[in-house]
Amino acid sequence: RALDLHPIASHFFRFWLWLTTAQVTKEWTSIHRKHHAKCEQAEDPHS
């Protein structure tokens, strides 16, 4: 939440990521937030 995006920009990025990565926003966001919360600890998803 370091910046807010206009709905046009936000939806373009969502659509493009759907086309090119199959990445679900909620999954990526959740995993990254957990990485920061548990960084370098046993629960860190990818340390």
All heavy atoms as atom14 arrays in JSON, in Angstrom:
{
  "sequence": "RALDLHPIASHFFRFWLWLTTAQVTKEWTSIHRKHHAKCEQAEDPHS",
  "atom14_mask": [
    [1, 1, 1, 1, 1, 1, 1, 1, 1, 1, 1, 0, 0, 0],
    [1, 1, 1, 1, 1, 0, 0, 0, 0, 0, 0, 0, 0, 0],
    [1, 1, 1, 1, 1, 1, 1, 1, 0, 0, 0, 0, 0, 0],
    [1, 1, 1, 1, 1, 1, 1, 1, 0, 0, 0, 0, 0, 0],
    [1, 1, 1, 1, 1, 1, 1, 1, 0, 0, 0, 0, 0, 0],
    [1, 1, 1, 1, 1, 1, 1, 1, 1, 1, 0, 0, 0, 0],
    [1, 1, 1, 1, 1, 1, 1, 0, 0, 0, 0, 0, 0, 0],
    [1, 1, 1, 1, 1, 1, 1, 1, 0, 0, 0, 0, 0, 0],
    [1, 1, 1, 1, 1, 0, 0, 0, 0, 0, 0, 0, 0, 0],
    [1, 1, 1, 1, 1, 1, 0, 0, 0, 0, 0, 0, 0, 0],
    [1, 1, 1, 1, 1, 1, 1, 1, 1, 1, 0, 0, 0, 0],
    [1, 1, 1, 1, 1, 1, 1, 1, 1, 1, 1, 0, 0, 0],
    [1, 1, 1, 1, 1, 1, 1, 1, 1, 1, 1, 0, 0, 0],
    [1, 1, 1, 1, 1, 1, 1, 1, 1, 1, 1, 0, 0, 0],
    [1, 1, 1, 1, 1, 1, 1, 1, 1, 1, 1, 0, 0, 0],
    [1, 1, 1, 1, 1, 1, 1, 1, 1, 1, 1, 1, 1, 1],
    [1, 1, 1, 1, 1, 1, 1, 1, 0, 0, 0, 0, 0, 0],
    [1, 1, 1, 1, 1, 1, 1, 1, 1, 1, 1, 1, 1, 1],
    [1, 1, 1, 1, 1, 1, 1, 1, 0, 0, 0, 0, 0, 0],
    [1, 1, 1, 1, 1, 1, 1, 0, 0, 0, 0, 0, 0, 0],
    [1, 1, 1, 1, 1, 1, 1, 0, 0, 0, 0, 0, 0, 0],
    [1, 1, 1, 1, 1, 0, 0, 0, 0, 0, 0, 0, 0, 0],
    [1, 1, 1, 1, 1, 1, 1, 1, 1, 0, 0, 0, 0, 0],
    [1, 1, 1, 1, 1, 1, 1, 0, 0, 0, 0, 0, 0, 0],
    [1, 1, 1, 1, 1, 1, 1, 0, 0, 0, 0, 0, 0, 0],
    [1, 1, 1, 1, 1, 1, 1, 1, 1, 0, 0, 0, 0, 0],
    [1, 1, 1, 1, 1, 1, 1, 1, 1, 0, 0, 0, 0, 0],
    [1, 1, 1, 1, 1, 1, 1, 1, 1, 1, 1, 1, 1, 1],
    [1, 1, 1, 1, 1, 1, 1, 0, 0, 0, 0, 0, 0, 0],
    [1, 1, 1, 1, 1, 1, 0, 0, 0, 0, 0, 0, 0, 0],
    [1, 1, 1, 1, 1, 1, 1, 1, 0, 0, 0, 0, 0, 0],
    [1, 1, 1, 1, 1, 1, 1, 1, 1, 1, 0, 0, 0, 0],
    [1, 1, 1, 1, 1, 1, 1, 1, 1, 1, 1, 0, 0, 0],
    [1, 1, 1, 1, 1, 1, 1, 1, 1, 0, 0, 0, 0, 0],
    [1, 1, 1, 1, 1, 1, 1, 1, 1, 1, 0, 0, 0, 0],
    [1, 1, 1, 1, 1, 1, 1, 1, 1, 1, 0, 0, 0, 0],
    [1, 1, 1, 1, 1, 0, 0, 0, 0, 0, 0, 0, 0, 0],
    [1, 1, 1, 1, 1, 1, 1, 1, 1, 0, 0, 0, 0, 0],
    [1, 1, 1, 1, 1, 1, 0, 0, 0, 0, 0, 0, 0, 0],
    [1, 1, 1, 1, 1, 1, 1, 1, 1, 0, 0, 0, 0, 0],
    [1, 1, 1, 1, 1, 1, 1, 1, 1, 0, 0, 0, 0, 0],
    [1, 1, 1, 1, 1, 0, 0, 0, 0, 0, 0, 0, 0, 0],
    [1, 1, 1, 1, 1, 1, 1, 1, 1, 0, 0, 0, 0, 0],
    [1, 1, 1, 1, 1, 1, 1, 1, 0, 0, 0, 0, 0, 0],
    [1, 1, 1, 1, 1, 1, 1, 0, 0, 0, 0, 0, 0, 0],
    [1, 1, 1, 1, 1, 1, 1, 1, 1, 1, 0, 0, 0, 0],
    [1, 1, 1, 1, 1, 1, 0, 0, 0, 0, 0, 0, 0, 0]
  ],
  "atom14_positions": [
    [[0.82, -1.22, 0.0], [0.0, 0.0, 0.0], [0.86, 1.26, 0.0], [0.5, 2.27, 0.62], [-0.96, 0.02, 1.2], [-1.94, -1.14, 1.19], [-2.81, -1.09, -0.04], [-3.77, -2.2, -0.08], [-4.52, -2.48, -1.13], [-4.41, -1.75, -2.22], [-5.36, -3.49, -1.12], [0.0, 0.0, 0.0], [0.0, 0.0, 0.0], [0.0, 0.0, 0.0]],
    [[1.98, 1.22, -0.69], [2.87, 2.38, -0.76], [2.34, 3.42, -1.74], [2.76, 4.58, -1.71], [4.27, 1.95, -1.18], [0.0, 0.0, 0.0], [0.0, 0.0, 0.0], [0.0, 0.0, 0.0], [0.0, 0.0, 0.0], [0.0, 0.0, 0.0], [0.0, 0.0, 0.0], [0.0, 0.0, 0.0], [0.0, 0.0, 0.0], [0.0, 0.0, 0.0]],
    [[1.44, 3.01, -2.62], [0.81, 3.93, -3.56], [-0.58, 3.43, -3.9], [-0.88, 2.24, -3.76], [1.63, 4.07, -4.86], [1.64, 2.88, -5.82], [1.86, 3.36, -7.24], [2.74, 1.88, -5.44], [0.0, 0.0, 0.0], [0.0, 0.0, 0.0], [0.0, 0.0, 0.0], [0.0, 0.0, 0.0], [0.0, 0.0, 0.0], [0.0, 0.0, 0.0]],
    [[-1.44, 4.36, -4.28], [-2.76, 4.01, -4.79], [-2.73, 4.08, -6.3], [-2.08, 4.97, -6.88], [-3.82, 4.98, -4.26], [-4.07, 4.81, -2.77], [-3.94, 3.66, -2.28], [-4.39, 5.81, -2.1], [0.0, 0.0, 0.0], [0.0, 0.0, 0.0], [0.0, 0.0, 0.0], [0.0, 0.0, 0.0], [0.0, 0.0, 0.0], [0.0, 0.0, 0.0]],
    [[-3.44, 3.16, -6.95], [-3.51, 3.15, -8.4], [-4.93, 3.47, -8.87], [-5.91, 3.03, -8.25], [-3.1, 1.78, -8.95], [-1.62, 1.42, -8.87], [-1.41, -0.04, -9.29], [-0.79, 2.33, -9.76], [0.0, 0.0, 0.0], [0.0, 0.0, 0.0], [0.0, 0.0, 0.0], [0.0, 0.0, 0.0], [0.0, 0.0, 0.0], [0.0, 0.0, 0.0]],
    [[-5.03, 4.23, -9.94], [-6.32, 4.47, -10.57], [-6.89, 3.13, -11.05], [-6.13, 2.24, -11.45], [-6.13, 5.43, -11.75], [-7.41, 5.91, -12.36], [-8.16, 5.15, -13.22], [-8.07, 7.09, -12.22], [-9.23, 5.84, -13.6], [-9.2, 7.02, -13.0], [0.0, 0.0, 0.0], [0.0, 0.0, 0.0], [0.0, 0.0, 0.0], [0.0, 0.0, 0.0]],
    [[-8.22, 2.95, -11.0], [-8.8, 1.67, -11.44], [-8.36, 1.24, -12.84], [-8.22, 0.04, -13.09], [-10.31, 1.95, -11.39], [-10.46, 2.99, -10.32], [-9.24, 3.85, -10.44], [0.0, 0.0, 0.0], [0.0, 0.0, 0.0], [0.0, 0.0, 0.0], [0.0, 0.0, 0.0], [0.0, 0.0, 0.0], [0.0, 0.0, 0.0], [0.0, 0.0, 0.0]],
    [[-8.14, 2.19, -13.74], [-7.7, 1.83, -15.09], [-6.33, 1.16, -15.04], [-6.1, 0.09, -15.63], [-7.65, 3.08, -16.0], [-9.07, 3.59, -16.25], [-6.95, 2.75, -17.32], [-9.1, 4.9, -17.04], [0.0, 0.0, 0.0], [0.0, 0.0, 0.0], [0.0, 0.0, 0.0], [0.0, 0.0, 0.0], [0.0, 0.0, 0.0], [0.0, 0.0, 0.0]],
    [[-5.38, 1.79, -14.33], [-4.04, 1.22, -14.21], [-4.07, -0.1, -13.45], [-3.43, -1.09, -13.85], [-3.1, 2.21, -13.52], [0.0, 0.0, 0.0], [0.0, 0.0, 0.0], [0.0, 0.0, 0.0], [0.0, 0.0, 0.0], [0.0, 0.0, 0.0], [0.0, 0.0, 0.0], [0.0, 0.0, 0.0], [0.0, 0.0, 0.0], [0.0, 0.0, 0.0]],
    [[-4.8, -0.13, -12.34], [-4.88, -1.33, -11.53], [-5.42, -2.51, -12.32], [-4.86, -3.61, -12.28], [-5.77, -1.07, -10.31], [-5.91, -2.23, -9.53], [0.0, 0.0, 0.0], [0.0, 0.0, 0.0], [0.0, 0.0, 0.0], [0.0, 0.0, 0.0], [0.0, 0.0, 0.0], [0.0, 0.0, 0.0], [0.0, 0.0, 0.0], [0.0, 0.0, 0.0]],
    [[-6.49, -2.28, -13.1], [-7.07, -3.4, -13.83], [-6.2, -3.81, -15.01], [-6.14, -5.0, -15.37], [-8.48, -3.08, -14.31], [-9.24, -4.3, -14.7], [-10.3, -4.29, -15.55], [-9.07, -5.61, -14.35], [-10.76, -5.52, -15.73], [-10.02, -6.34, -15.01], [0.0, 0.0, 0.0], [0.0, 0.0, 0.0], [0.0, 0.0, 0.0], [0.0, 0.0, 0.0]],
    [[-5.5, -2.87, -15.62], [-4.57, -3.26, -16.68], [-3.52, -4.22, -16.14], [-3.23, -5.26, -16.75], [-3.87, -2.05, -17.29], [-2.68, -2.43, -18.14], [-2.86, -2.94, -19.41], [-1.38, -2.35, -17.64], [-1.77, -3.34, -20.19], [-0.29, -2.73, -18.4], [-0.49, -3.23, -19.69], [0.0, 0.0, 0.0], [0.0, 0.0, 0.0], [0.0, 0.0, 0.0]],
    [[-2.94, -3.88, -14.98], [-1.91, -4.73, -14.4], [-2.49, -6.1, -14.04], [-1.83, -7.13, -14.26], [-1.31, -4.07, -13.16], [-0.43, -2.89, -13.46], [-0.56, -1.7, -12.75], [0.54, -2.96, -14.45], [0.25, -0.61, -13.02], [1.37, -1.88, -14.73], [1.21, -0.7, -14.02], [0.0, 0.0, 0.0], [0.0, 0.0, 0.0], [0.0, 0.0, 0.0]],
    [[-3.68, -6.15, -13.48], [-4.31, -7.43, -13.14], [-4.51, -8.27, -14.38], [-4.21, -9.48, -14.39], [-5.67, -7.19, -12.46], [-5.59, -6.71, -11.03], [-6.95, -6.21, -10.56], [-7.94, -7.27, -10.49], [-9.25, -7.04, -10.34], [-9.71, -5.81, -10.25], [-10.08, -8.06, -10.29], [0.0, 0.0, 0.0], [0.0, 0.0, 0.0], [0.0, 0.0, 0.0]],
    [[-5.02, -7.65, -15.43], [-5.28, -8.37, -16.68], [-3.97, -8.88, -17.28], [-3.89, -10.04, -17.72], [-5.99, -7.45, -17.67], [-6.17, -8.04, -19.04], [-7.06, -9.09, -19.24], [-5.44, -7.57, -20.12], [-7.22, -9.66, -20.5], [-5.59, -8.13, -21.39], [-6.48, -9.17, -21.58], [0.0, 0.0, 0.0], [0.0, 0.0, 0.0], [0.0, 0.0, 0.0]],
    [[-2.95, -8.02, -17.28], [-1.68, -8.43, -17.88], [-1.05, -9.59, -17.1], [-0.52, -10.53, -17.71], [-0.72, -7.24, -17.93], [0.55, -7.58, -18.68], [1.74, -7.93, -18.14], [0.69, -7.63, -20.1], [2.65, -8.19, -19.13], [2.04, -8.03, -20.35], [-0.16, -7.39, -21.17], [2.53, -8.17, -21.65], [0.35, -7.54, -22.48], [1.67, -7.92, -22.7]],
    [[-1.11, -9.54, -15.8], [-0.55, -10.63, -14.99], [-1.35, -11.91, -15.17], [-0.79, -13.01, -15.11], [-0.51, -10.21, -13.51], [0.52, -9.12, -13.18], [0.26, -8.54, -11.79], [1.93, -9.65, -13.28], [0.0, 0.0, 0.0], [0.0, 0.0, 0.0], [0.0, 0.0, 0.0], [0.0, 0.0, 0.0], [0.0, 0.0, 0.0], [0.0, 0.0, 0.0]],
    [[-2.66, -11.79, -15.37], [-3.49, -12.96, -15.66], [-3.04, -13.6, -16.97], [-2.95, -14.83, -17.07], [-4.95, -12.53, -15.74], [-5.92, -13.63, -16.08], [-6.27, -14.69, -15.3], [-6.68, -13.75, -17.29], [-7.21, -15.47, -15.94], [-7.47, -14.91, -17.17], [-6.77, -12.98, -18.45], [-8.35, -15.34, -18.17], [-7.64, -13.39, -19.45], [-8.41, -14.57, -19.31]],
    [[-2.72, -12.77, -17.96], [-2.29, -13.28, -19.26], [-0.89, -13.9, -19.21], [-0.63, -14.9, -19.91], [-2.25, -12.15, -20.29], [-3.54, -11.75, -21.01], [-3.24, -10.6, -21.97], [-4.14, -12.92, -21.78], [0.0, 0.0, 0.0], [0.0, 0.0, 0.0], [0.0, 0.0, 0.0], [0.0, 0.0, 0.0], [0.0, 0.0, 0.0], [0.0, 0.0, 0.0]],
    [[0.0, -13.34, -18.43], [1.41, -13.69, -18.55], [1.99, -14.48, -17.38], [3.12, -14.99, -17.5], [2.26, -12.41, -18.73], [2.05, -11.55, -17.59], [1.86, -11.67, -20.0], [0.0, 0.0, 0.0], [0.0, 0.0, 0.0], [0.0, 0.0, 0.0], [0.0, 0.0, 0.0], [0.0, 0.0, 0.0], [0.0, 0.0, 0.0], [0.0, 0.0, 0.0]],
    [[1.26, -14.58, -16.27], [1.82, -15.3, -15.11], [0.85, -16.25, -14.42], [1.29, -17.08, -13.63], [2.32, -14.3, -14.03], [1.19, -13.63, -13.46], [3.28, -13.28, -14.62], [0.0, 0.0, 0.0], [0.0, 0.0, 0.0], [0.0, 0.0, 0.0], [0.0, 0.0, 0.0], [0.0, 0.0, 0.0], [0.0, 0.0, 0.0], [0.0, 0.0, 0.0]],
    [[-0.45, -16.11, -14.67], [-1.47, -16.88, -13.95], [-1.44, -16.58, -12.46], [-1.91, -17.37, -11.64], [-1.31, -18.39, -14.19], [0.0, 0.0, 0.0], [0.0, 0.0, 0.0], [0.0, 0.0, 0.0], [0.0, 0.0, 0.0], [0.0, 0.0, 0.0], [0.0, 0.0, 0.0], [0.0, 0.0, 0.0], [0.0, 0.0, 0.0], [0.0, 0.0, 0.0]],
    [[-0.89, -15.42, -12.1], [-0.75, -15.08, -10.7], [-2.04, -14.46, -10.15], [-2.6, -13.56, -10.74], [0.38, -14.07, -10.51], [0.69, -13.74, -9.06], [1.17, -14.93, -8.28], [2.23, -15.48, -8.56], [0.39, -15.36, -7.31], [0.0, 0.0, 0.0], [0.0, 0.0, 0.0], [0.0, 0.0, 0.0], [0.0, 0.0, 0.0], [0.0, 0.0, 0.0]],
    [[-2.49, -14.99, -9.01], [-3.66, -14.46, -8.32], [-3.19, -13.41, -7.32], [-2.32, -13.68, -6.49], [-4.44, -15.59, -7.61], [-5.61, -15.02, -6.82], [-4.92, -16.63, -8.62], [0.0, 0.0, 0.0], [0.0, 0.0, 0.0], [0.0, 0.0, 0.0], [0.0, 0.0, 0.0], [0.0, 0.0, 0.0], [0.0, 0.0, 0.0], [0.0, 0.0, 0.0]],
    [[-3.78, -12.22, -7.38], [-3.35, -11.11, -6.54], [-3.35, -11.46, -5.06], [-2.4, -11.17, -4.33], [-4.24, -9.87, -6.77], [-4.15, -9.49, -8.15], [-3.81, -8.71, -5.89], [0.0, 0.0, 0.0], [0.0, 0.0, 0.0], [0.0, 0.0, 0.0], [0.0, 0.0, 0.0], [0.0, 0.0, 0.0], [0.0, 0.0, 0.0], [0.0, 0.0, 0.0]],
    [[-4.41, -12.1, -4.59], [-4.52, -12.41, -3.17], [-3.42, -13.37, -2.73], [-2.84, -13.21, -1.64], [-5.89, -13.01, -2.86], [-6.11, -13.26, -1.37], [-7.54, -13.69, -1.07], [-7.77, -13.83, 0.43], [-9.19, -14.18, 0.74], [0.0, 0.0, 0.0], [0.0, 0.0, 0.0], [0.0, 0.0, 0.0], [0.0, 0.0, 0.0], [0.0, 0.0, 0.0]],
    [[-3.09, -14.34, -3.57], [-2.05, -15.3, -3.21], [-0.69, -14.61, -3.12], [0.03, -14.78, -2.13], [-2.01, -16.43, -4.24], [-3.25, -17.31, -4.23], [-3.24, -18.37, -5.31], [-2.28, -18.38, -6.11], [-4.18, -19.18, -5.37], [0.0, 0.0, 0.0], [0.0, 0.0, 0.0], [0.0, 0.0, 0.0], [0.0, 0.0, 0.0], [0.0, 0.0, 0.0]],
    [[-0.34, -13.84, -4.16], [0.97, -13.19, -4.16], [1.1, -12.23, -2.99], [2.11, -12.21, -2.27], [1.17, -12.43, -5.47], [2.6, -12.06, -5.75], [3.46, -12.71, -6.58], [3.32, -10.95, -5.2], [4.69, -12.08, -6.58], [4.64, -11.0, -5.74], [3.01, -9.93, -4.31], [5.61, -10.06, -5.43], [3.99, -8.99, -3.97], [5.27, -9.06, -4.53]],
    [[0.06, -11.42, -2.78], [0.08, -10.44, -1.7], [0.21, -11.11, -0.34], [1.01, -10.67, 0.51], [-1.2, -9.59, -1.75], [-1.28, -8.92, -3.01], [-1.24, -8.58, -0.61], [0.0, 0.0, 0.0], [0.0, 0.0, 0.0], [0.0, 0.0, 0.0], [0.0, 0.0, 0.0], [0.0, 0.0, 0.0], [0.0, 0.0, 0.0], [0.0, 0.0, 0.0]],
    [[-0.55, -12.15, -0.12], [-0.52, -12.86, 1.16], [0.85, -13.45, 1.45], [1.39, -13.31, 2.55], [-1.58, -13.97, 1.18], [-2.87, -13.45, 0.98], [0.0, 0.0, 0.0], [0.0, 0.0, 0.0], [0.0, 0.0, 0.0], [0.0, 0.0, 0.0], [0.0, 0.0, 0.0], [0.0, 0.0, 0.0], [0.0, 0.0, 0.0], [0.0, 0.0, 0.0]],
    [[1.41, -14.1, 0.46], [2.71, -14.76, 0.64], [3.8, -13.73, 0.89], [4.67, -13.92, 1.75], [3.04, -15.63, -0.59], [2.05, -16.79, -0.67], [4.47, -16.15, -0.53], [2.1, -17.55, -1.99], [0.0, 0.0, 0.0], [0.0, 0.0, 0.0], [0.0, 0.0, 0.0], [0.0, 0.0, 0.0], [0.0, 0.0, 0.0], [0.0, 0.0, 0.0]],
    [[3.73, -12.61, 0.17], [4.76, -11.59, 0.37], [4.64, -10.92, 1.73], [5.65, -10.65, 2.4], [4.7, -10.54, -0.74], [5.83, -9.56, -0.66], [7.12, -9.9, -1.03], [5.89, -8.28, -0.22], [7.92, -8.86, -0.83], [7.2, -7.86, -0.34], [0.0, 0.0, 0.0], [0.0, 0.0, 0.0], [0.0, 0.0, 0.0], [0.0, 0.0, 0.0]],
    [[3.42, -10.65, 2.16], [3.24, -10.06, 3.49], [3.72, -11.02, 4.58], [4.31, -10.59, 5.58], [1.76, -9.7, 3.7], [1.3, -8.5, 2.91], [-0.2, -8.31, 3.04], [-0.67, -7.12, 2.35], [-1.96, -6.84, 2.14], [-2.9, -7.66, 2.59], [-2.31, -5.73, 1.5], [0.0, 0.0, 0.0], [0.0, 0.0, 0.0], [0.0, 0.0, 0.0]],
    [[3.48, -12.28, 4.39], [3.95, -13.26, 5.38], [5.48, -13.3, 5.39], [6.09, -13.44, 6.45], [3.38, -14.65, 5.07], [3.77, -15.69, 6.11], [3.08, -17.02, 5.86], [3.45, -18.04, 6.94], [2.75, -19.33, 6.75], [0.0, 0.0, 0.0], [0.0, 0.0, 0.0], [0.0, 0.0, 0.0], [0.0, 0.0, 0.0], [0.0, 0.0, 0.0]],
    [[6.08, -13.17, 4.22], [7.54, -13.14, 4.14], [8.1, -12.01, 4.99], [9.08, -12.19, 5.73], [7.96, -12.97, 2.68], [9.37, -12.5, 2.48], [10.46, -13.23, 2.88], [9.86, -11.35, 1.93], [11.58, -12.58, 2.59], [11.24, -11.43, 2.02], [0.0, 0.0, 0.0], [0.0, 0.0, 0.0], [0.0, 0.0, 0.0], [0.0, 0.0, 0.0]],
    [[7.48, -10.84, 4.94], [7.96, -9.72, 5.75], [7.68, -9.95, 7.24], [8.51, -9.62, 8.09], [7.29, -8.42, 5.3], [7.98, -7.76, 4.15], [8.93, -6.78, 4.3], [7.87, -7.96, 2.82], [9.37, -6.4, 3.12], [8.74, -7.09, 2.19], [0.0, 0.0, 0.0], [0.0, 0.0, 0.0], [0.0, 0.0, 0.0], [0.0, 0.0, 0.0]],
    [[6.54, -10.52, 7.54], [6.18, -10.75, 8.95], [7.04, -11.82, 9.59], [7.32, -11.76, 10.8], [4.71, -11.13, 9.05], [0.0, 0.0, 0.0], [0.0, 0.0, 0.0], [0.0, 0.0, 0.0], [0.0, 0.0, 0.0], [0.0, 0.0, 0.0], [0.0, 0.0, 0.0], [0.0, 0.0, 0.0], [0.0, 0.0, 0.0], [0.0, 0.0, 0.0]],
    [[7.49, -12.8, 8.81], [8.24, -13.94, 9.35], [9.63, -14.04, 8.71], [10.2, -15.14, 8.64], [7.48, -15.24, 9.09], [6.03, -15.24, 9.57], [5.95, -15.19, 11.09], [4.49, -15.25, 11.56], [4.39, -15.22, 13.04], [0.0, 0.0, 0.0], [0.0, 0.0, 0.0], [0.0, 0.0, 0.0], [0.0, 0.0, 0.0], [0.0, 0.0, 0.0]],
    [[10.2, -12.93, 8.31], [11.43, -12.95, 7.51], [12.57, -13.68, 8.2], [12.9, -13.39, 9.36], [11.84, -11.52, 7.18], [13.02, -11.43, 5.83], [0.0, 0.0, 0.0], [0.0, 0.0, 0.0], [0.0, 0.0, 0.0], [0.0, 0.0, 0.0], [0.0, 0.0, 0.0], [0.0, 0.0, 0.0], [0.0, 0.0, 0.0], [0.0, 0.0, 0.0]],
    [[13.18, -14.6, 7.49], [14.31, -15.43, 7.94], [13.95, -16.33, 9.12], [14.84, -16.85, 9.79], [15.54, -14.58, 8.31], [15.81, -13.37, 7.43], [16.08, -13.66, 5.97], [15.94, -14.82, 5.56], [16.4, -12.72, 5.23], [0.0, 0.0, 0.0], [0.0, 0.0, 0.0], [0.0, 0.0, 0.0], [0.0, 0.0, 0.0], [0.0, 0.0, 0.0]],
    [[12.66, -16.5, 9.39], [12.22, -17.43, 10.42], [11.69, -18.7, 9.76], [11.54, -18.78, 8.55], [11.13, -16.78, 11.27], [11.55, -15.49, 11.96], [10.4, -14.81, 12.67], [9.51, -15.48, 13.22], [10.4, -13.49, 12.68], [0.0, 0.0, 0.0], [0.0, 0.0, 0.0], [0.0, 0.0, 0.0], [0.0, 0.0, 0.0], [0.0, 0.0, 0.0]],
    [[11.4, -19.69, 10.59], [10.96, -20.98, 10.06], [9.71, -20.86, 9.2], [9.52, -21.64, 8.25], [10.72, -21.96, 11.21], [0.0, 0.0, 0.0], [0.0, 0.0, 0.0], [0.0, 0.0, 0.0], [0.0, 0.0, 0.0], [0.0, 0.0, 0.0], [0.0, 0.0, 0.0], [0.0, 0.0, 0.0], [0.0, 0.0, 0.0], [0.0, 0.0, 0.0]],
    [[8.85, -19.88, 9.48], [7.6, -19.73, 8.73], [7.75, -18.87, 7.48], [6.78, -18.69, 6.74], [6.53, -19.13, 9.63], [6.11, -20.02, 10.78], [5.07, -19.34, 11.66], [3.92, -19.21, 11.21], [5.42, -18.93, 12.79], [0.0, 0.0, 0.0], [0.0, 0.0, 0.0], [0.0, 0.0, 0.0], [0.0, 0.0, 0.0], [0.0, 0.0, 0.0]],
    [[8.93, -18.33, 7.24], [9.16, -17.54, 6.02], [8.95, -18.45, 4.81], [9.6, -19.48, 4.69], [10.59, -16.99, 6.02], [10.84, -16.0, 4.89], [10.19, -16.1, 3.84], [11.71, -15.13, 5.06], [0.0, 0.0, 0.0], [0.0, 0.0, 0.0], [0.0, 0.0, 0.0], [0.0, 0.0, 0.0], [0.0, 0.0, 0.0], [0.0, 0.0, 0.0]],
    [[8.05, -18.09, 3.89], [7.76, -18.98, 2.76], [8.92, -19.25, 1.83], [8.96, -20.29, 1.17], [6.64, -18.22, 2.0], [6.04, -17.29, 3.01], [7.18, -16.9, 3.9], [0.0, 0.0, 0.0], [0.0, 0.0, 0.0], [0.0, 0.0, 0.0], [0.0, 0.0, 0.0], [0.0, 0.0, 0.0], [0.0, 0.0, 0.0], [0.0, 0.0, 0.0]],
    [[9.91, -18.33, 1.78], [10.98, -18.54, 0.8], [12.33, -17.96, 1.21], [13.07, -17.43, 0.37], [10.56, -17.96, -0.56], [9.95, -16.58, -0.49], [10.65, -15.47, -0.12], [8.68, -16.17, -0.75], [9.85, -14.42, -0.16], [8.65, -14.81, -0.53], [0.0, 0.0, 0.0], [0.0, 0.0, 0.0], [0.0, 0.0, 0.0], [0.0, 0.0, 0.0]],
    [[12.67, -18.04, 2.47], [13.99, -17.56, 2.89], [15.08, -18.55, 2.5], [14.98, -19.74, 2.82], [14.03, -17.35, 4.41], [15.36, -17.13, 4.84], [0.0, 0.0, 0.0], [0.0, 0.0, 0.0], [0.0, 0.0, 0.0], [0.0, 0.0, 0.0], [0.0, 0.0, 0.0], [0.0, 0.0, 0.0], [0.0, 0.0, 0.0], [0.0, 0.0, 0.0]]
  ]
}
